[in-house]
């Protein structure tokens, strides 16, 4: 991790923590889901961005196992973003809200596809080396 990416990593951790506190506050106040769903989507997107650095931090290195774990966590994060975006599309009452949730859905589908492609490429390389 370079110095600039380390700073971005810590800023993302701070923003995710702030959003998580907001989510918890809305959830415990029995607010409707549409009030804090956007916070959940932004926090999951930020988590997916830093998950590789987070896994490397705990596993000390970048082996195939670490890359596989981080790619799987990223894919599942974007899968949850896609599912929650579909929920947001269904419960949204404004046009802007629906457009925003559709954008999140498109981004999540795009990143899930890219991650699956990376996983199949690494699997093909693994079979070639044998």
Foldseek 3Di string as FASTA:
>chain_A
DDPVVVVVLVVLVVLLVVLVVVVVVCVVVVHDCLVNLVSLLVSLVSCLVCLLVVLCVVVVDDDPVSVVVSLVSSLVSLVVLLVSLVVQCVPDDDPVSVVVSVVSNVVSVVSNVVSVVVVVVVVVVVVVVD
